[in-house]
Amino acid sequence: MIRTEQRSEDEGFTLIEVLIAMLLLAILSLALLPSLIGILKTSVRNVSVATATQFVNNNLVQAQTAGTTCTGIQNFGSAIIGPLTDNRGVTFSTTRSVGPCPATYPGTVKVSVTVMSSNSLQAVATGSTLVIVRSAS
């Protein structure tokens, strides 16, 4: 018993077909590249906003624990804060502002915190809270 195998003329891809497939894949990749770059930029911006929001939150918690006197809160607001750097090397500057002391005690004082990135002149994150004060000093 001898088997005879018949071979067809279409047994695989030719070099031209492979090159055309690679060209089509390259064109498709180039079409998707701008959206990929946009996604990466958005991701970087979101990480900066999250980091700045964490800095704002930490400052507001510090304000609430700074003391129950108006003098303590005013000292908190006037303290000099150095620049903060995150894990990626982006530097942030923090600005605190403290509202006026209340006319009667106990009362509240508004404390606001703004964090700006060194890369831009816009605020990345802001926040404010009311702190209860029991006396002037």
N, C-alpha and C. Protein backbone atom coordinates (compact mmCIF):
# COMPACT_ATOMS: atom_id res chain seq x y z
N MET A 1 0.81 -1.17 0.00
CA MET A 1 0.00 0.00 0.00
C MET A 1 0.86 1.24 0.00
N ILE A 2 0.77 1.89 -1.03
CA ILE A 2 1.53 3.12 -1.17
C ILE A 2 0.54 4.27 -1.18
N ARG A 3 0.83 5.21 -0.32
CA ARG A 3 -0.02 6.41 -0.26
C ARG A 3 0.59 7.49 -1.11
N THR A 4 -0.26 8.09 -1.79
CA THR A 4 0.20 9.24 -2.57
C THR A 4 -0.48 10.47 -1.99
N GLU A 5 0.31 11.43 -1.64
CA GLU A 5 -0.23 12.67 -1.09
C GLU A 5 -0.30 13.69 -2.18
N GLN A 6 -1.43 14.32 -2.19
CA GLN A 6 -1.57 15.38 -3.16
C GLN A 6 -1.31 16.70 -2.45
N ARG A 7 -0.50 17.48 -3.04
CA ARG A 7 -0.19 18.79 -2.48
C ARG A 7 -0.94 19.85 -3.26
N SER A 8 -1.50 20.77 -2.49
CA SER A 8 -2.18 21.86 -3.18
C SER A 8 -1.20 22.99 -3.41
N GLU A 9 -1.60 23.87 -4.25
CA GLU A 9 -0.73 24.99 -4.58
C GLU A 9 -0.77 26.07 -3.50
N ASP A 10 -1.73 26.02 -2.57
CA ASP A 10 -1.90 27.07 -1.56
C ASP A 10 -1.53 26.50 -0.19
N GLU A 11 -0.25 26.38 0.10
CA GLU A 11 0.21 25.78 1.35
C GLU A 11 0.88 26.81 2.25
N GLY A 12 0.20 27.86 2.62
CA GLY A 12 0.80 28.83 3.53
C GLY A 12 0.80 30.22 2.95
N PHE A 13 1.46 31.10 3.69
CA PHE A 13 1.51 32.50 3.31
C PHE A 13 2.77 32.79 2.51
N THR A 14 2.63 33.64 1.57
CA THR A 14 3.80 34.07 0.83
C THR A 14 4.41 35.27 1.55
N LEU A 15 5.57 35.63 1.15
CA LEU A 15 6.26 36.76 1.76
C LEU A 15 5.49 38.05 1.54
N ILE A 16 4.89 38.21 0.41
CA ILE A 16 4.09 39.42 0.11
C ILE A 16 2.90 39.51 1.06
N GLU A 17 2.23 38.40 1.32
CA GLU A 17 1.08 38.42 2.22
C GLU A 17 1.50 38.78 3.64
N VAL A 18 2.63 38.29 4.07
CA VAL A 18 3.13 38.61 5.41
C VAL A 18 3.47 40.10 5.50
N LEU A 19 4.10 40.66 4.49
CA LEU A 19 4.45 42.07 4.49
C LEU A 19 3.20 42.96 4.48
N ILE A 20 2.18 42.57 3.74
CA ILE A 20 0.94 43.33 3.72
C ILE A 20 0.26 43.28 5.08
N ALA A 21 0.26 42.14 5.71
CA ALA A 21 -0.33 42.01 7.05
C ALA A 21 0.42 42.88 8.06
N MET A 22 1.75 42.92 7.97
CA MET A 22 2.54 43.76 8.86
C MET A 22 2.25 45.24 8.62
N LEU A 23 2.09 45.64 7.37
CA LEU A 23 1.78 47.02 7.03
C LEU A 23 0.42 47.42 7.59
N LEU A 24 -0.57 46.56 7.45
CA LEU A 24 -1.89 46.85 8.00
C LEU A 24 -1.86 46.95 9.52
N LEU A 25 -1.09 46.09 10.16
CA LEU A 25 -0.95 46.14 11.61
C LEU A 25 -0.26 47.43 12.05
N ALA A 26 0.74 47.88 11.32
CA ALA A 26 1.43 49.13 11.63
C ALA A 26 0.49 50.32 11.48
N ILE A 27 -0.33 50.34 10.43
CA ILE A 27 -1.28 51.43 10.24
C ILE A 27 -2.31 51.46 11.36
N LEU A 28 -2.79 50.31 11.77
CA LEU A 28 -3.74 50.23 12.87
C LEU A 28 -3.11 50.71 14.17
N SER A 29 -1.85 50.33 14.42
CA SER A 29 -1.15 50.77 15.62
C SER A 29 -0.97 52.28 15.65
N LEU A 30 -0.65 52.88 14.51
CA LEU A 30 -0.49 54.33 14.43
C LEU A 30 -1.82 55.05 14.67
N ALA A 31 -2.91 54.45 14.28
CA ALA A 31 -4.21 55.05 14.50
C ALA A 31 -4.57 55.07 15.99
N LEU A 32 -4.12 54.08 16.74
CA LEU A 32 -4.42 53.98 18.16
C LEU A 32 -3.43 54.73 19.03
N LEU A 33 -2.31 55.13 18.49
CA LEU A 33 -1.26 55.77 19.27
C LEU A 33 -1.70 57.08 19.93
N PRO A 34 -2.39 58.01 19.25
CA PRO A 34 -2.79 59.25 19.91
C PRO A 34 -3.70 59.02 21.13
N SER A 35 -4.61 58.06 21.03
CA SER A 35 -5.47 57.81 22.18
C SER A 35 -4.68 57.21 23.33
N LEU A 36 -3.69 56.40 23.05
CA LEU A 36 -2.84 55.84 24.10
C LEU A 36 -2.05 56.95 24.80
N ILE A 37 -1.53 57.89 24.04
CA ILE A 37 -0.80 59.02 24.63
C ILE A 37 -1.73 59.86 25.50
N GLY A 38 -2.94 60.10 25.03
CA GLY A 38 -3.92 60.85 25.82
C GLY A 38 -4.26 60.15 27.13
N ILE A 39 -4.39 58.86 27.08
CA ILE A 39 -4.69 58.08 28.29
C ILE A 39 -3.53 58.19 29.28
N LEU A 40 -2.30 58.13 28.80
CA LEU A 40 -1.15 58.24 29.70
C LEU A 40 -1.06 59.62 30.33
N LYS A 41 -1.34 60.67 29.57
CA LYS A 41 -1.33 62.03 30.13
C LYS A 41 -2.40 62.20 31.20
N THR A 42 -3.57 61.66 30.94
CA THR A 42 -4.66 61.73 31.92
C THR A 42 -4.28 60.99 33.19
N SER A 43 -3.64 59.87 33.05
CA SER A 43 -3.21 59.09 34.21
C SER A 43 -2.21 59.86 35.06
N VAL A 44 -1.25 60.52 34.42
CA VAL A 44 -0.26 61.32 35.15
C VAL A 44 -0.95 62.46 35.88
N ARG A 45 -1.90 63.15 35.21
CA ARG A 45 -2.63 64.25 35.84
C ARG A 45 -3.44 63.75 37.04
N ASN A 46 -4.07 62.59 36.91
CA ASN A 46 -4.86 62.04 38.01
C ASN A 46 -3.99 61.68 39.21
N VAL A 47 -2.80 61.19 38.96
CA VAL A 47 -1.89 60.88 40.06
C VAL A 47 -1.50 62.16 40.79
N SER A 48 -1.24 63.24 40.05
CA SER A 48 -0.90 64.52 40.67
C SER A 48 -2.06 65.05 41.50
N VAL A 49 -3.27 64.95 40.98
CA VAL A 49 -4.44 65.42 41.73
C VAL A 49 -4.64 64.60 43.00
N ALA A 50 -4.45 63.30 42.91
CA ALA A 50 -4.60 62.44 44.09
C ALA A 50 -3.55 62.77 45.15
N THR A 51 -2.32 63.01 44.73
CA THR A 51 -1.25 63.35 45.68
C THR A 51 -1.54 64.70 46.33
N ALA A 52 -1.93 65.70 45.53
CA ALA A 52 -2.24 67.02 46.06
C ALA A 52 -3.43 66.97 47.01
N THR A 53 -4.42 66.17 46.70
CA THR A 53 -5.58 66.02 47.58
C THR A 53 -5.18 65.40 48.91
N GLN A 54 -4.25 64.48 48.87
CA GLN A 54 -3.75 63.88 50.11
C GLN A 54 -3.01 64.93 50.94
N PHE A 55 -2.21 65.80 50.31
CA PHE A 55 -1.53 66.86 51.03
C PHE A 55 -2.53 67.83 51.66
N VAL A 56 -3.59 68.18 50.92
CA VAL A 56 -4.63 69.06 51.45
C VAL A 56 -5.28 68.42 52.67
N ASN A 57 -5.65 67.17 52.55
CA ASN A 57 -6.31 66.46 53.64
C ASN A 57 -5.42 66.41 54.88
N ASN A 58 -4.13 66.13 54.70
CA ASN A 58 -3.20 66.08 55.84
C ASN A 58 -3.14 67.44 56.54
N ASN A 59 -3.11 68.53 55.77
CA ASN A 59 -3.06 69.87 56.36
C ASN A 59 -4.34 70.20 57.11
N LEU A 60 -5.48 69.80 56.58
CA LEU A 60 -6.74 70.06 57.26
C LEU A 60 -6.85 69.28 58.56
N VAL A 61 -6.35 68.07 58.57
CA VAL A 61 -6.33 67.28 59.81
C VAL A 61 -5.39 67.94 60.82
N GLN A 62 -4.24 68.44 60.37
CA GLN A 62 -3.32 69.15 61.26
C GLN A 62 -3.98 70.40 61.82
N ALA A 63 -4.77 71.10 61.02
CA ALA A 63 -5.46 72.30 61.50
C ALA A 63 -6.45 71.95 62.60
N GLN A 64 -7.15 70.85 62.44
CA GLN A 64 -8.13 70.46 63.44
C GLN A 64 -7.48 70.01 64.75
N THR A 65 -6.23 69.57 64.67
CA THR A 65 -5.52 69.14 65.87
C THR A 65 -4.54 70.18 66.37
N ALA A 66 -4.52 71.37 65.76
CA ALA A 66 -3.56 72.41 66.14
C ALA A 66 -3.87 73.02 67.50
N GLY A 67 -5.06 72.86 67.97
CA GLY A 67 -5.43 73.41 69.28
C GLY A 67 -6.83 73.95 69.25
N THR A 68 -7.31 74.30 70.41
CA THR A 68 -8.68 74.81 70.51
C THR A 68 -8.70 76.32 70.76
N THR A 69 -7.55 76.97 70.57
CA THR A 69 -7.51 78.42 70.75
C THR A 69 -7.32 79.11 69.41
N CYS A 70 -7.78 80.33 69.35
CA CYS A 70 -7.65 81.09 68.11
C CYS A 70 -6.18 81.38 67.81
N THR A 71 -5.39 81.60 68.86
CA THR A 71 -3.96 81.84 68.68
C THR A 71 -3.28 80.62 68.08
N GLY A 72 -3.66 79.43 68.53
CA GLY A 72 -3.08 78.19 68.00
C GLY A 72 -3.39 78.01 66.52
N ILE A 73 -4.62 78.33 66.14
CA ILE A 73 -5.01 78.20 64.73
C ILE A 73 -4.30 79.26 63.88
N GLN A 74 -4.19 80.49 64.40
CA GLN A 74 -3.48 81.54 63.66
C GLN A 74 -2.00 81.18 63.48
N ASN A 75 -1.39 80.59 64.51
CA ASN A 75 0.00 80.14 64.39
C ASN A 75 0.13 79.03 63.35
N PHE A 76 -0.85 78.14 63.32
CA PHE A 76 -0.84 77.09 62.31
C PHE A 76 -0.87 77.70 60.91
N GLY A 77 -1.71 78.71 60.71
CA GLY A 77 -1.84 79.33 59.40
C GLY A 77 -0.61 80.11 58.97
N SER A 78 0.14 80.65 59.93
CA SER A 78 1.30 81.46 59.58
C SER A 78 2.60 80.64 59.51
N ALA A 79 2.53 79.38 59.84
CA ALA A 79 3.73 78.52 59.78
C ALA A 79 4.18 78.37 58.33
N ILE A 80 5.49 78.43 58.12
CA ILE A 80 6.06 78.29 56.79
C ILE A 80 6.14 76.82 56.43
N ILE A 81 5.64 76.49 55.26
CA ILE A 81 5.64 75.11 54.79
C ILE A 81 6.59 75.01 53.61
N GLY A 82 7.54 74.11 53.71
CA GLY A 82 8.47 73.90 52.60
C GLY A 82 7.80 73.14 51.47
N PRO A 83 8.42 73.12 50.32
CA PRO A 83 7.84 72.37 49.21
C PRO A 83 7.81 70.87 49.51
N LEU A 84 6.80 70.21 49.00
CA LEU A 84 6.63 68.78 49.18
C LEU A 84 6.87 68.08 47.85
N THR A 85 7.53 66.94 47.90
CA THR A 85 7.83 66.18 46.69
C THR A 85 7.23 64.79 46.81
N ASP A 86 6.55 64.35 45.75
CA ASP A 86 5.98 63.01 45.78
C ASP A 86 6.98 61.98 45.27
N ASN A 87 6.55 60.74 45.17
CA ASN A 87 7.44 59.64 44.77
C ASN A 87 7.94 59.76 43.33
N ARG A 88 7.20 60.49 42.48
CA ARG A 88 7.60 60.64 41.09
C ARG A 88 8.54 61.83 40.88
N GLY A 89 8.77 62.61 41.95
CA GLY A 89 9.66 63.76 41.83
C GLY A 89 8.96 65.06 41.53
N VAL A 90 7.62 65.08 41.52
CA VAL A 90 6.87 66.32 41.28
C VAL A 90 6.82 67.10 42.59
N THR A 91 7.13 68.40 42.51
CA THR A 91 7.17 69.25 43.69
C THR A 91 5.87 70.04 43.80
N PHE A 92 5.33 70.11 45.02
CA PHE A 92 4.10 70.84 45.30
C PHE A 92 4.38 71.90 46.36
N SER A 93 3.73 73.05 46.22
CA SER A 93 3.80 74.08 47.25
C SER A 93 2.42 74.21 47.89
N THR A 94 2.42 74.43 49.20
CA THR A 94 1.17 74.48 49.96
C THR A 94 0.98 75.88 50.54
N THR A 95 -0.23 76.39 50.41
CA THR A 95 -0.59 77.67 50.98
C THR A 95 -1.75 77.47 51.94
N ARG A 96 -1.61 78.02 53.15
CA ARG A 96 -2.68 77.94 54.14
C ARG A 96 -3.25 79.34 54.36
N SER A 97 -4.54 79.42 54.57
CA SER A 97 -5.14 80.70 54.96
C SER A 97 -6.14 80.43 56.08
N VAL A 98 -6.10 81.31 57.09
CA VAL A 98 -6.95 81.16 58.26
C VAL A 98 -7.84 82.39 58.35
N GLY A 99 -9.12 82.17 58.54
CA GLY A 99 -10.08 83.26 58.65
C GLY A 99 -9.96 83.98 59.98
N PRO A 100 -10.74 85.03 60.15
CA PRO A 100 -10.67 85.80 61.40
C PRO A 100 -11.24 85.02 62.58
N CYS A 101 -10.79 85.40 63.75
CA CYS A 101 -11.29 84.77 64.98
C CYS A 101 -12.73 85.21 65.21
N PRO A 102 -13.52 84.35 65.85
CA PRO A 102 -14.93 84.71 66.09
C PRO A 102 -15.05 85.79 67.17
N ALA A 103 -16.18 86.46 67.16
CA ALA A 103 -16.42 87.51 68.17
C ALA A 103 -16.75 86.91 69.52
N THR A 104 -17.40 85.77 69.54
CA THR A 104 -17.75 85.10 70.79
C THR A 104 -17.23 83.67 70.77
N TYR A 105 -17.01 83.13 71.96
CA TYR A 105 -16.48 81.77 72.09
C TYR A 105 -17.47 80.92 72.82
N PRO A 106 -17.58 79.62 72.50
CA PRO A 106 -16.90 78.92 71.42
C PRO A 106 -17.42 79.38 70.06
N GLY A 107 -16.55 79.25 69.07
CA GLY A 107 -16.88 79.66 67.72
C GLY A 107 -16.07 78.85 66.72
N THR A 108 -16.16 79.22 65.47
CA THR A 108 -15.42 78.49 64.43
C THR A 108 -14.54 79.45 63.64
N VAL A 109 -13.45 78.88 63.12
CA VAL A 109 -12.52 79.60 62.25
C VAL A 109 -12.38 78.78 60.98
N LYS A 110 -12.49 79.46 59.84
CA LYS A 110 -12.35 78.76 58.56
C LYS A 110 -10.87 78.66 58.20
N VAL A 111 -10.44 77.43 57.87
CA VAL A 111 -9.06 77.18 57.44
C VAL A 111 -9.12 76.61 56.02
N SER A 112 -8.38 77.24 55.12
CA SER A 112 -8.33 76.77 53.73
C SER A 112 -6.90 76.40 53.37
N VAL A 113 -6.76 75.38 52.55
CA VAL A 113 -5.45 74.90 52.11
C VAL A 113 -5.50 74.75 50.59
N THR A 114 -4.46 75.26 49.92
CA THR A 114 -4.34 75.14 48.48
C THR A 114 -2.98 74.53 48.16
N VAL A 115 -2.97 73.54 47.29
CA VAL A 115 -1.73 72.89 46.86
C VAL A 115 -1.57 73.14 45.36
N MET A 116 -0.39 73.68 45.00
CA MET A 116 -0.08 73.97 43.61
C MET A 116 1.13 73.14 43.17
N SER A 117 1.11 72.73 41.93
CA SER A 117 2.23 71.98 41.37
C SER A 117 3.29 72.95 40.86
N SER A 118 4.55 72.55 40.94
CA SER A 118 5.62 73.39 40.42
C SER A 118 5.57 73.45 38.89
N ASN A 119 4.88 72.49 38.27
CA ASN A 119 4.79 72.45 36.81
C ASN A 119 3.79 73.45 36.25
N SER A 120 2.83 73.88 37.06
CA SER A 120 1.81 74.80 36.56
C SER A 120 1.54 75.87 37.62
N LEU A 121 0.88 76.92 37.21
CA LEU A 121 0.54 77.99 38.14
C LEU A 121 -0.88 77.86 38.66
N GLN A 122 -1.54 76.76 38.34
CA GLN A 122 -2.91 76.54 38.79
C GLN A 122 -2.92 75.66 40.02
N ALA A 123 -3.97 75.85 40.84
CA ALA A 123 -4.15 75.02 42.02
C ALA A 123 -4.52 73.61 41.57
N VAL A 124 -3.84 72.63 42.11
CA VAL A 124 -4.15 71.23 41.79
C VAL A 124 -5.26 70.72 42.68
N ALA A 125 -5.24 71.14 43.97
CA ALA A 125 -6.28 70.73 44.91
C ALA A 125 -6.45 71.81 45.97
N THR A 126 -7.69 72.01 46.39
CA THR A 126 -7.99 72.95 47.46
C THR A 126 -8.99 72.31 48.40
N GLY A 127 -8.98 72.79 49.62
CA GLY A 127 -9.93 72.29 50.59
C GLY A 127 -10.04 73.27 51.74
N SER A 128 -11.16 73.20 52.45
CA SER A 128 -11.34 74.07 53.62
C SER A 128 -12.14 73.32 54.66
N THR A 129 -12.01 73.79 55.89
CA THR A 129 -12.73 73.20 57.01
C THR A 129 -12.99 74.28 58.04
N LEU A 130 -13.92 74.02 58.92
CA LEU A 130 -14.17 74.90 60.06
C LEU A 130 -13.60 74.23 61.29
N VAL A 131 -12.83 75.00 62.06
CA VAL A 131 -12.20 74.48 63.26
C VAL A 131 -12.88 75.14 64.46
N ILE A 132 -13.29 74.37 65.42
CA ILE A 132 -13.91 74.91 66.62
C ILE A 132 -12.83 75.45 67.54
N VAL A 133 -12.99 76.70 67.96
CA VAL A 133 -12.07 77.31 68.94
C VAL A 133 -12.87 77.64 70.18
N ARG A 134 -12.24 77.42 71.34
CA ARG A 134 -12.93 77.61 72.62
C ARG A 134 -12.57 78.92 73.30
N SER A 135 -11.40 79.47 72.92
CA SER A 135 -10.99 80.74 73.53
C SER A 135 -10.01 81.46 72.59
N ALA A 136 -9.72 82.73 72.94
CA ALA A 136 -8.82 83.53 72.10
C ALA A 136 -7.39 83.07 72.25
N SER A 137 -6.96 82.76 73.45
CA SER A 137 -5.57 82.30 73.64
C SER A 137 -5.47 81.21 74.67
